[in-house]
Amino acid sequence: MDIGKRLKQLRVKNNLTLEELASRSELTKGYLSQLERNLSSPSIVTLEDICEALGTRLSEFFLEEEDEKVIFTKKDAFVDEQDSYITHWIVPNAQKNLMEPIVLELLPKSKSKNISPHEGEELGYVLQGRVVLCRENDPKGKLVNKGETFYIKGNEAHYLENRTNKTVKVLWISTPPIF
């Protein structure tokens, strides 16, 4: 761990100058500067004093935050092939997030699984072909063409149906995760 970098990060986060931190921790500005530049190493007692002045505990100081993954590649995706559709899980472990995106490939003359009523909302964007959005209160469904979007509340059962002889692709996003 880069102790100097972490010290500076916390000091800046708390909007403190080196002088202000020196005053609060009863250390010199020069010594703190050396610590931040890793020219000197603090004792545990000194580091505890600095942490206290920064409003944190020593145990929290050493917790390194993992870089949050924000870019996902084809290698990250998981593909689940069913008889009538293929689900591409494009964000791994998305069920732990607030929303869950998939790319759904509906084979010709097929339906997606039926989504039971749930709290939340869904958005779909047709990438290829055309699909029919069928809902409990509208079993005939509404046609959604390539380049068009559907946005629904999850309060009634629904599914997508491909009534054509070509494969359809839909980017489908749910919040909270339900797929």
N, C-alpha and C. Protein backbone atom coordinates (compact mmCIF):
# COMPACT_ATOMS: atom_id res chain seq x y z
N MET A 1 0.85 -1.18 0.00
CA MET A 1 0.00 0.00 0.00
C MET A 1 0.89 1.24 0.00
N ASP A 2 0.47 2.25 -0.74
CA ASP A 2 1.18 3.53 -0.80
C ASP A 2 0.62 4.42 0.32
N ILE A 3 1.28 4.40 1.47
CA ILE A 3 0.80 5.13 2.65
C ILE A 3 0.77 6.63 2.40
N GLY A 4 1.80 7.15 1.76
CA GLY A 4 1.85 8.59 1.49
C GLY A 4 0.70 9.04 0.60
N LYS A 5 0.44 8.27 -0.43
CA LYS A 5 -0.66 8.60 -1.35
C LYS A 5 -2.00 8.57 -0.61
N ARG A 6 -2.18 7.56 0.23
CA ARG A 6 -3.43 7.42 0.99
C ARG A 6 -3.60 8.58 1.98
N LEU A 7 -2.51 8.98 2.63
CA LEU A 7 -2.58 10.13 3.55
C LEU A 7 -3.01 11.39 2.81
N LYS A 8 -2.38 11.64 1.68
CA LYS A 8 -2.72 12.84 0.90
C LYS A 8 -4.16 12.78 0.41
N GLN A 9 -4.58 11.61 -0.03
CA GLN A 9 -5.95 11.41 -0.52
C GLN A 9 -6.96 11.78 0.57
N LEU A 10 -6.74 11.30 1.78
CA LEU A 10 -7.66 11.59 2.90
C LEU A 10 -7.58 13.05 3.32
N ARG A 11 -6.39 13.62 3.29
CA ARG A 11 -6.24 15.03 3.66
C ARG A 11 -6.99 15.92 2.68
N VAL A 12 -6.82 15.66 1.40
CA VAL A 12 -7.51 16.45 0.36
C VAL A 12 -9.02 16.24 0.45
N LYS A 13 -9.43 15.00 0.69
CA LYS A 13 -10.86 14.69 0.82
C LYS A 13 -11.50 15.50 1.96
N ASN A 14 -10.72 15.73 3.02
CA ASN A 14 -11.20 16.49 4.18
C ASN A 14 -10.96 17.99 4.05
N ASN A 15 -10.52 18.42 2.86
CA ASN A 15 -10.25 19.84 2.59
C ASN A 15 -9.29 20.46 3.60
N LEU A 16 -8.23 19.73 3.91
CA LEU A 16 -7.24 20.23 4.87
C LEU A 16 -5.92 20.53 4.15
N THR A 17 -5.29 21.60 4.55
CA THR A 17 -3.93 21.88 4.09
C THR A 17 -2.97 21.07 4.95
N LEU A 18 -1.73 20.98 4.51
CA LEU A 18 -0.72 20.30 5.34
C LEU A 18 -0.60 20.99 6.69
N GLU A 19 -0.68 22.31 6.68
CA GLU A 19 -0.57 23.10 7.91
C GLU A 19 -1.71 22.77 8.88
N GLU A 20 -2.93 22.68 8.35
CA GLU A 20 -4.08 22.38 9.20
C GLU A 20 -3.98 20.96 9.78
N LEU A 21 -3.56 20.01 8.96
CA LEU A 21 -3.39 18.64 9.44
C LEU A 21 -2.27 18.58 10.48
N ALA A 22 -1.21 19.32 10.25
CA ALA A 22 -0.10 19.35 11.21
C ALA A 22 -0.58 19.85 12.56
N SER A 23 -1.39 20.89 12.55
CA SER A 23 -1.92 21.46 13.78
C SER A 23 -2.81 20.46 14.51
N ARG A 24 -3.68 19.79 13.76
CA ARG A 24 -4.61 18.83 14.37
C ARG A 24 -3.91 17.58 14.90
N SER A 25 -2.84 17.17 14.24
CA SER A 25 -2.16 15.94 14.65
C SER A 25 -0.93 16.19 15.51
N GLU A 26 -0.64 17.47 15.78
CA GLU A 26 0.51 17.87 16.58
C GLU A 26 1.82 17.36 15.99
N LEU A 27 1.89 17.41 14.65
CA LEU A 27 3.10 17.06 13.92
C LEU A 27 3.52 18.27 13.09
N THR A 28 4.69 18.22 12.52
CA THR A 28 5.12 19.37 11.71
C THR A 28 4.65 19.21 10.28
N LYS A 29 4.49 20.35 9.64
CA LYS A 29 4.08 20.38 8.23
C LYS A 29 5.14 19.66 7.38
N GLY A 30 6.41 19.88 7.69
CA GLY A 30 7.49 19.25 6.94
C GLY A 30 7.47 17.74 7.05
N TYR A 31 7.19 17.24 8.26
CA TYR A 31 7.16 15.79 8.47
C TYR A 31 6.00 15.18 7.69
N LEU A 32 4.83 15.83 7.74
CA LEU A 32 3.67 15.32 7.00
C LEU A 32 3.95 15.33 5.50
N SER A 33 4.63 16.35 5.02
CA SER A 33 5.00 16.42 3.61
C SER A 33 5.90 15.25 3.24
N GLN A 34 6.85 14.93 4.11
CA GLN A 34 7.74 13.79 3.86
C GLN A 34 6.96 12.48 3.83
N LEU A 35 5.97 12.35 4.73
CA LEU A 35 5.14 11.14 4.75
C LEU A 35 4.35 11.00 3.44
N GLU A 36 3.75 12.11 2.99
CA GLU A 36 2.95 12.07 1.77
C GLU A 36 3.80 11.73 0.55
N ARG A 37 5.07 12.11 0.58
CA ARG A 37 5.97 11.82 -0.54
C ARG A 37 6.76 10.52 -0.33
N ASN A 38 6.38 9.78 0.70
CA ASN A 38 7.01 8.49 1.05
C ASN A 38 8.52 8.62 1.27
N LEU A 39 8.93 9.76 1.82
CA LEU A 39 10.34 9.97 2.16
C LEU A 39 10.61 9.56 3.59
N SER A 40 9.55 9.31 4.32
CA SER A 40 9.65 8.89 5.71
C SER A 40 8.49 7.93 5.99
N SER A 41 8.66 7.08 7.00
CA SER A 41 7.61 6.14 7.39
C SER A 41 7.16 6.45 8.81
N PRO A 42 5.85 6.53 9.02
CA PRO A 42 5.36 6.83 10.38
C PRO A 42 5.32 5.60 11.25
N SER A 43 5.42 5.81 12.55
CA SER A 43 5.20 4.71 13.48
C SER A 43 3.69 4.46 13.53
N ILE A 44 3.30 3.35 14.10
CA ILE A 44 1.88 3.02 14.24
C ILE A 44 1.18 4.09 15.08
N VAL A 45 1.80 4.51 16.17
CA VAL A 45 1.21 5.53 17.04
C VAL A 45 1.01 6.84 16.28
N THR A 46 2.00 7.24 15.51
CA THR A 46 1.90 8.48 14.72
C THR A 46 0.80 8.35 13.67
N LEU A 47 0.75 7.20 13.01
CA LEU A 47 -0.28 6.99 11.99
C LEU A 47 -1.67 7.00 12.62
N GLU A 48 -1.81 6.45 13.82
CA GLU A 48 -3.10 6.50 14.53
C GLU A 48 -3.49 7.94 14.82
N ASP A 49 -2.53 8.77 15.23
CA ASP A 49 -2.79 10.19 15.51
C ASP A 49 -3.25 10.91 14.24
N ILE A 50 -2.59 10.62 13.13
CA ILE A 50 -2.96 11.26 11.86
C ILE A 50 -4.36 10.81 11.44
N CYS A 51 -4.62 9.53 11.57
CA CYS A 51 -5.95 9.01 11.22
C CYS A 51 -7.04 9.68 12.06
N GLU A 52 -6.78 9.83 13.35
CA GLU A 52 -7.74 10.50 14.23
C GLU A 52 -7.99 11.92 13.75
N ALA A 53 -6.92 12.63 13.38
CA ALA A 53 -7.05 14.00 12.88
C ALA A 53 -7.80 14.05 11.56
N LEU A 54 -7.75 12.97 10.80
CA LEU A 54 -8.45 12.90 9.51
C LEU A 54 -9.86 12.32 9.65
N GLY A 55 -10.25 11.97 10.88
CA GLY A 55 -11.61 11.47 11.11
C GLY A 55 -11.81 10.04 10.65
N THR A 56 -10.75 9.24 10.71
CA THR A 56 -10.88 7.84 10.32
C THR A 56 -10.15 6.97 11.33
N ARG A 57 -10.36 5.67 11.22
CA ARG A 57 -9.66 4.73 12.09
C ARG A 57 -8.54 4.06 11.30
N LEU A 58 -7.58 3.55 12.01
CA LEU A 58 -6.45 2.88 11.38
C LEU A 58 -6.91 1.71 10.51
N SER A 59 -7.90 0.95 10.99
CA SER A 59 -8.40 -0.19 10.21
C SER A 59 -9.01 0.27 8.89
N GLU A 60 -9.70 1.40 8.89
CA GLU A 60 -10.30 1.94 7.66
C GLU A 60 -9.22 2.49 6.73
N PHE A 61 -8.16 3.02 7.33
CA PHE A 61 -7.07 3.58 6.54
C PHE A 61 -6.48 2.54 5.59
N PHE A 62 -6.36 1.31 6.07
CA PHE A 62 -5.72 0.27 5.28
C PHE A 62 -6.68 -0.51 4.38
N LEU A 63 -7.97 -0.19 4.43
CA LEU A 63 -8.91 -0.84 3.52
C LEU A 63 -8.71 -0.26 2.14
N GLU A 64 -8.29 -1.09 1.23
CA GLU A 64 -8.11 -0.63 -0.14
C GLU A 64 -9.40 -0.88 -0.90
N GLU A 65 -9.88 0.16 -1.55
CA GLU A 65 -11.09 0.03 -2.35
C GLU A 65 -10.72 -0.59 -3.68
N GLU A 66 -11.49 -1.61 -4.06
CA GLU A 66 -11.26 -2.23 -5.36
C GLU A 66 -11.77 -1.28 -6.43
N ASP A 67 -11.02 -1.22 -7.53
CA ASP A 67 -11.49 -0.43 -8.65
C ASP A 67 -12.75 -1.08 -9.18
N GLU A 68 -13.80 -0.29 -9.27
CA GLU A 68 -15.06 -0.80 -9.77
C GLU A 68 -14.95 -1.02 -11.27
N LYS A 69 -15.33 -2.19 -11.71
CA LYS A 69 -15.28 -2.50 -13.13
C LYS A 69 -16.42 -1.78 -13.82
N VAL A 70 -16.10 -1.02 -14.85
CA VAL A 70 -17.12 -0.26 -15.56
C VAL A 70 -17.19 -0.61 -17.04
N ILE A 71 -16.19 -1.30 -17.55
CA ILE A 71 -16.18 -1.71 -18.95
C ILE A 71 -16.21 -3.24 -18.99
N PHE A 72 -17.12 -3.77 -19.79
CA PHE A 72 -17.25 -5.21 -19.91
C PHE A 72 -17.08 -5.59 -21.38
N THR A 73 -16.33 -6.65 -21.62
CA THR A 73 -16.07 -7.10 -22.99
C THR A 73 -16.84 -8.38 -23.28
N LYS A 74 -16.72 -8.85 -24.51
CA LYS A 74 -17.38 -10.10 -24.88
C LYS A 74 -16.91 -11.25 -24.00
N LYS A 75 -15.66 -11.20 -23.56
CA LYS A 75 -15.12 -12.26 -22.70
C LYS A 75 -15.83 -12.31 -21.35
N ASP A 76 -16.40 -11.19 -20.91
CA ASP A 76 -17.09 -11.13 -19.62
C ASP A 76 -18.50 -11.70 -19.70
N ALA A 77 -19.07 -11.72 -20.89
CA ALA A 77 -20.47 -12.13 -21.07
C ALA A 77 -20.64 -13.63 -20.86
N PHE A 78 -21.84 -13.99 -20.44
CA PHE A 78 -22.22 -15.39 -20.28
C PHE A 78 -23.42 -15.62 -21.18
N VAL A 79 -23.42 -16.72 -21.91
CA VAL A 79 -24.50 -17.01 -22.85
C VAL A 79 -25.27 -18.24 -22.36
N ASP A 80 -26.59 -18.10 -22.31
CA ASP A 80 -27.47 -19.19 -21.89
C ASP A 80 -28.40 -19.51 -23.05
N GLU A 81 -28.22 -20.69 -23.66
CA GLU A 81 -29.03 -21.08 -24.82
C GLU A 81 -30.19 -21.96 -24.37
N GLN A 82 -31.40 -21.50 -24.67
CA GLN A 82 -32.62 -22.27 -24.42
C GLN A 82 -33.17 -22.73 -25.77
N ASP A 83 -34.29 -23.45 -25.77
CA ASP A 83 -34.86 -23.94 -27.03
C ASP A 83 -35.32 -22.82 -27.95
N SER A 84 -35.93 -21.79 -27.39
CA SER A 84 -36.52 -20.75 -28.23
C SER A 84 -35.82 -19.40 -28.14
N TYR A 85 -34.86 -19.27 -27.24
CA TYR A 85 -34.16 -17.99 -27.12
C TYR A 85 -32.77 -18.17 -26.54
N ILE A 86 -31.94 -17.16 -26.77
CA ILE A 86 -30.58 -17.14 -26.25
C ILE A 86 -30.44 -15.87 -25.44
N THR A 87 -29.98 -16.02 -24.19
CA THR A 87 -29.78 -14.86 -23.32
C THR A 87 -28.30 -14.59 -23.20
N HIS A 88 -27.91 -13.35 -23.50
CA HIS A 88 -26.53 -12.90 -23.33
C HIS A 88 -26.50 -12.03 -22.08
N TRP A 89 -25.88 -12.54 -21.02
CA TRP A 89 -25.73 -11.78 -19.77
C TRP A 89 -24.52 -10.88 -19.98
N ILE A 90 -24.73 -9.63 -20.33
CA ILE A 90 -23.64 -8.76 -20.78
C ILE A 90 -22.90 -8.05 -19.64
N VAL A 91 -23.47 -8.07 -18.44
CA VAL A 91 -22.79 -7.54 -17.26
C VAL A 91 -22.78 -8.65 -16.21
N PRO A 92 -21.62 -9.24 -15.96
CA PRO A 92 -21.57 -10.35 -15.01
C PRO A 92 -22.05 -9.94 -13.62
N ASN A 93 -22.74 -10.82 -12.95
CA ASN A 93 -23.24 -10.61 -11.59
C ASN A 93 -24.09 -9.34 -11.46
N ALA A 94 -24.82 -9.00 -12.51
CA ALA A 94 -25.63 -7.78 -12.49
C ALA A 94 -26.75 -7.85 -11.46
N GLN A 95 -27.10 -9.04 -11.00
CA GLN A 95 -28.18 -9.16 -10.01
C GLN A 95 -27.85 -8.43 -8.72
N LYS A 96 -26.59 -8.10 -8.49
CA LYS A 96 -26.21 -7.35 -7.29
C LYS A 96 -26.35 -5.84 -7.51
N ASN A 97 -26.62 -5.43 -8.74
CA ASN A 97 -26.76 -4.02 -9.08
C ASN A 97 -28.22 -3.59 -9.02
N LEU A 98 -28.48 -2.34 -9.32
CA LEU A 98 -29.84 -1.83 -9.32
C LEU A 98 -30.58 -2.17 -10.61
N MET A 99 -29.83 -2.43 -11.67
CA MET A 99 -30.47 -2.82 -12.93
C MET A 99 -29.70 -3.96 -13.55
N GLU A 100 -30.38 -4.69 -14.42
CA GLU A 100 -29.79 -5.86 -15.05
C GLU A 100 -30.04 -5.82 -16.56
N PRO A 101 -28.98 -5.67 -17.34
CA PRO A 101 -29.15 -5.67 -18.79
C PRO A 101 -28.83 -7.04 -19.39
N ILE A 102 -29.59 -7.41 -20.40
CA ILE A 102 -29.30 -8.61 -21.18
C ILE A 102 -29.51 -8.28 -22.65
N VAL A 103 -28.93 -9.09 -23.52
CA VAL A 103 -29.31 -9.07 -24.93
C VAL A 103 -30.02 -10.39 -25.15
N LEU A 104 -31.26 -10.29 -25.60
CA LEU A 104 -32.08 -11.48 -25.82
C LEU A 104 -32.19 -11.72 -27.32
N GLU A 105 -31.85 -12.93 -27.74
CA GLU A 105 -32.06 -13.35 -29.12
C GLU A 105 -33.26 -14.28 -29.13
N LEU A 106 -34.32 -13.85 -29.79
CA LEU A 106 -35.51 -14.69 -29.92
C LEU A 106 -35.46 -15.37 -31.28
N LEU A 107 -35.47 -16.69 -31.27
CA LEU A 107 -35.43 -17.43 -32.52
C LEU A 107 -36.77 -17.28 -33.25
N PRO A 108 -36.81 -17.59 -34.56
CA PRO A 108 -38.07 -17.43 -35.32
C PRO A 108 -39.24 -18.16 -34.66
N LYS A 109 -40.38 -17.49 -34.67
CA LYS A 109 -41.64 -18.06 -34.16
C LYS A 109 -41.51 -18.55 -32.71
N SER A 110 -40.91 -17.73 -31.87
CA SER A 110 -40.72 -18.14 -30.48
C SER A 110 -41.07 -17.03 -29.50
N LYS A 111 -41.07 -17.38 -28.22
CA LYS A 111 -41.41 -16.43 -27.15
C LYS A 111 -40.30 -16.45 -26.10
N SER A 112 -40.16 -15.34 -25.41
CA SER A 112 -39.26 -15.30 -24.25
C SER A 112 -39.96 -15.97 -23.09
N LYS A 113 -39.27 -16.10 -22.00
CA LYS A 113 -39.95 -16.62 -20.81
C LYS A 113 -40.95 -15.57 -20.34
N ASN A 114 -41.96 -16.01 -19.66
CA ASN A 114 -42.97 -15.11 -19.12
C ASN A 114 -42.42 -14.47 -17.85
N ILE A 115 -42.43 -13.16 -17.79
CA ILE A 115 -41.94 -12.43 -16.62
C ILE A 115 -43.12 -12.17 -15.70
N SER A 116 -43.03 -12.67 -14.49
CA SER A 116 -44.10 -12.47 -13.50
C SER A 116 -44.12 -11.02 -13.03
N PRO A 117 -45.27 -10.57 -12.52
CA PRO A 117 -45.34 -9.20 -11.99
C PRO A 117 -44.26 -8.98 -10.92
N HIS A 118 -43.70 -7.80 -10.93
CA HIS A 118 -42.64 -7.46 -9.98
C HIS A 118 -42.63 -5.96 -9.77
N GLU A 119 -41.97 -5.56 -8.69
CA GLU A 119 -41.74 -4.14 -8.46
C GLU A 119 -40.65 -3.69 -9.42
N GLY A 120 -40.80 -2.57 -10.01
CA GLY A 120 -39.74 -2.07 -10.87
C GLY A 120 -40.22 -1.78 -12.28
N GLU A 121 -39.25 -1.55 -13.16
CA GLU A 121 -39.53 -1.17 -14.54
C GLU A 121 -38.58 -1.88 -15.47
N GLU A 122 -38.96 -1.88 -16.76
CA GLU A 122 -38.13 -2.51 -17.78
C GLU A 122 -38.09 -1.64 -19.02
N LEU A 123 -36.95 -1.72 -19.67
CA LEU A 123 -36.76 -1.00 -20.93
C LEU A 123 -36.21 -1.99 -21.93
N GLY A 124 -36.73 -1.96 -23.14
CA GLY A 124 -36.22 -2.81 -24.20
C GLY A 124 -35.96 -1.98 -25.43
N TYR A 125 -34.86 -2.29 -26.12
CA TYR A 125 -34.51 -1.61 -27.36
C TYR A 125 -34.26 -2.69 -28.41
N VAL A 126 -35.02 -2.65 -29.50
CA VAL A 126 -34.90 -3.69 -30.52
C VAL A 126 -33.68 -3.38 -31.41
N LEU A 127 -32.73 -4.28 -31.35
CA LEU A 127 -31.49 -4.13 -32.11
C LEU A 127 -31.60 -4.71 -33.52
N GLN A 128 -32.42 -5.75 -33.66
CA GLN A 128 -32.54 -6.45 -34.94
C GLN A 128 -33.92 -7.05 -35.05
N GLY A 129 -34.59 -6.83 -36.18
CA GLY A 129 -35.90 -7.42 -36.42
C GLY A 129 -37.02 -6.65 -35.77
N ARG A 130 -38.10 -7.36 -35.46
CA ARG A 130 -39.24 -6.77 -34.76
C ARG A 130 -39.82 -7.80 -33.82
N VAL A 131 -40.38 -7.30 -32.73
CA VAL A 131 -40.87 -8.17 -31.67
C VAL A 131 -42.23 -7.65 -31.21
N VAL A 132 -43.01 -8.52 -30.61
CA VAL A 132 -44.30 -8.11 -30.06
C VAL A 132 -44.20 -8.21 -28.53
N LEU A 133 -44.52 -7.10 -27.88
CA LEU A 133 -44.55 -7.04 -26.42
C LEU A 133 -45.95 -7.43 -25.98
N CYS A 134 -46.10 -8.57 -25.32
CA CYS A 134 -47.41 -9.06 -24.86
C CYS A 134 -47.48 -8.91 -23.35
N ARG A 135 -48.57 -8.29 -22.89
CA ARG A 135 -48.77 -8.10 -21.46
C ARG A 135 -50.09 -8.73 -21.04
N GLU A 136 -50.20 -8.98 -19.77
CA GLU A 136 -51.38 -9.62 -19.20
C GLU A 136 -52.67 -8.93 -19.66
N ASN A 137 -52.69 -7.62 -19.65
CA ASN A 137 -53.88 -6.87 -20.04
C ASN A 137 -53.92 -6.55 -21.53
N ASP A 138 -52.94 -7.02 -22.29
CA ASP A 138 -52.89 -6.79 -23.73
C ASP A 138 -52.26 -8.01 -24.40
N PRO A 139 -52.95 -9.17 -24.38
CA PRO A 139 -52.36 -10.41 -24.91
C PRO A 139 -52.07 -10.36 -26.42
N LYS A 140 -52.78 -9.52 -27.18
CA LYS A 140 -52.48 -9.39 -28.62
C LYS A 140 -51.11 -8.75 -28.81
N GLY A 141 -50.77 -7.84 -27.90
CA GLY A 141 -49.44 -7.25 -27.90
C GLY A 141 -49.30 -6.00 -28.76
N LYS A 142 -48.16 -5.38 -28.58
CA LYS A 142 -47.79 -4.18 -29.33
C LYS A 142 -46.50 -4.48 -30.10
N LEU A 143 -46.48 -4.11 -31.37
CA LEU A 143 -45.33 -4.33 -32.23
C LEU A 143 -44.24 -3.31 -31.91
N VAL A 144 -43.02 -3.78 -31.78
CA VAL A 144 -41.87 -2.92 -31.53
C VAL A 144 -40.84 -3.26 -32.61
N ASN A 145 -40.54 -2.29 -33.47
CA ASN A 145 -39.63 -2.49 -34.60
C ASN A 145 -38.19 -2.17 -34.25
N LYS A 146 -37.27 -2.58 -35.13
CA LYS A 146 -35.85 -2.26 -34.98
C LYS A 146 -35.69 -0.76 -34.77
N GLY A 147 -34.89 -0.41 -33.76
CA GLY A 147 -34.64 1.00 -33.46
C GLY A 147 -35.68 1.62 -32.55
N GLU A 148 -36.70 0.86 -32.17
CA GLU A 148 -37.72 1.37 -31.27
C GLU A 148 -37.52 0.80 -29.87
N THR A 149 -38.15 1.47 -28.91
CA THR A 149 -37.98 1.15 -27.49
C THR A 149 -39.32 0.88 -26.84
N PHE A 150 -39.33 -0.05 -25.89
CA PHE A 150 -40.49 -0.17 -25.01
C PHE A 150 -40.03 0.13 -23.59
N TYR A 151 -40.94 0.71 -22.82
CA TYR A 151 -40.65 1.06 -21.42
C TYR A 151 -41.91 0.75 -20.63
N ILE A 152 -41.82 -0.22 -19.73
CA ILE A 152 -43.01 -0.65 -19.00
C ILE A 152 -42.73 -0.78 -17.51
N LYS A 153 -43.79 -0.71 -16.74
CA LYS A 153 -43.71 -1.04 -15.32
C LYS A 153 -43.86 -2.55 -15.22
N GLY A 154 -43.31 -3.13 -14.17
CA GLY A 154 -43.34 -4.58 -14.03
C GLY A 154 -44.56 -5.10 -13.30
N ASN A 155 -45.62 -4.31 -13.22
CA ASN A 155 -46.78 -4.67 -12.40
C ASN A 155 -47.71 -5.71 -13.00
N GLU A 156 -47.44 -6.17 -14.22
CA GLU A 156 -48.25 -7.25 -14.80
C GLU A 156 -47.35 -8.22 -15.56
N ALA A 157 -47.78 -9.46 -15.66
CA ALA A 157 -47.00 -10.48 -16.36
C ALA A 157 -46.83 -10.07 -17.82
N HIS A 158 -45.68 -10.42 -18.41
CA HIS A 158 -45.42 -10.04 -19.80
C HIS A 158 -44.32 -10.91 -20.40
N TYR A 159 -44.24 -10.87 -21.72
CA TYR A 159 -43.20 -11.60 -22.44
C TYR A 159 -43.03 -10.97 -23.82
N LEU A 160 -41.97 -11.37 -24.50
CA LEU A 160 -41.75 -10.91 -25.87
C LEU A 160 -41.99 -12.09 -26.81
N GLU A 161 -42.54 -11.78 -27.97
CA GLU A 161 -42.82 -12.83 -28.95
C GLU A 161 -42.28 -12.42 -30.31
N ASN A 162 -41.59 -13.37 -30.94
CA ASN A 162 -41.09 -13.18 -32.29
C ASN A 162 -42.03 -13.92 -33.22
N ARG A 163 -42.82 -13.19 -33.97
CA ARG A 163 -43.79 -13.81 -34.87
C ARG A 163 -43.26 -13.90 -36.30
N THR A 164 -41.98 -13.59 -36.48
CA THR A 164 -41.39 -13.60 -37.82
C THR A 164 -40.57 -14.89 -38.04
N ASN A 165 -40.02 -15.01 -39.24
CA ASN A 165 -39.17 -16.16 -39.59
C ASN A 165 -37.69 -15.83 -39.45
N LYS A 166 -37.37 -14.71 -38.80
CA LYS A 166 -35.98 -14.30 -38.61
C LYS A 166 -35.70 -14.11 -37.12
N THR A 167 -34.43 -14.26 -36.76
CA THR A 167 -34.03 -14.05 -35.37
C THR A 167 -34.13 -12.57 -35.01
N VAL A 168 -34.59 -12.29 -33.81
CA VAL A 168 -34.74 -10.93 -33.30
C VAL A 168 -33.75 -10.74 -32.14
N LYS A 169 -33.17 -9.53 -32.05
CA LYS A 169 -32.28 -9.22 -30.92
C LYS A 169 -32.81 -7.99 -30.20
N VAL A 170 -32.88 -8.10 -28.86
CA VAL A 170 -33.39 -7.01 -28.04
C VAL A 170 -32.45 -6.77 -26.86
N LEU A 171 -32.07 -5.52 -26.66
CA LEU A 171 -31.39 -5.13 -25.43
C LEU A 171 -32.49 -4.91 -24.42
N TRP A 172 -32.47 -5.67 -23.32
CA TRP A 172 -33.57 -5.65 -22.35
C TRP A 172 -32.96 -5.35 -20.99
N ILE A 173 -33.45 -4.31 -20.34
CA ILE A 173 -32.91 -3.87 -19.05
C ILE A 173 -34.04 -3.84 -18.02
N SER A 174 -33.76 -4.44 -16.88
CA SER A 174 -34.74 -4.50 -15.80
C SER A 174 -34.18 -3.87 -14.55
N THR A 175 -35.05 -3.17 -13.85
CA THR A 175 -34.70 -2.67 -12.52
C THR A 175 -35.88 -2.94 -11.60
N PRO A 176 -35.68 -3.62 -10.51
CA PRO A 176 -34.46 -4.30 -10.09
C PRO A 176 -34.24 -5.54 -10.95
N PRO A 177 -33.09 -6.18 -10.81
CA PRO A 177 -32.80 -7.38 -11.60
C PRO A 177 -33.85 -8.48 -11.42
N ILE A 178 -34.32 -9.04 -12.54
CA ILE A 178 -35.32 -10.11 -12.49
C ILE A 178 -35.00 -11.27 -13.41
N PHE A 179 -34.07 -11.10 -14.33
CA PHE A 179 -33.82 -12.15 -15.31
C PHE A 179 -33.08 -13.26 -14.67
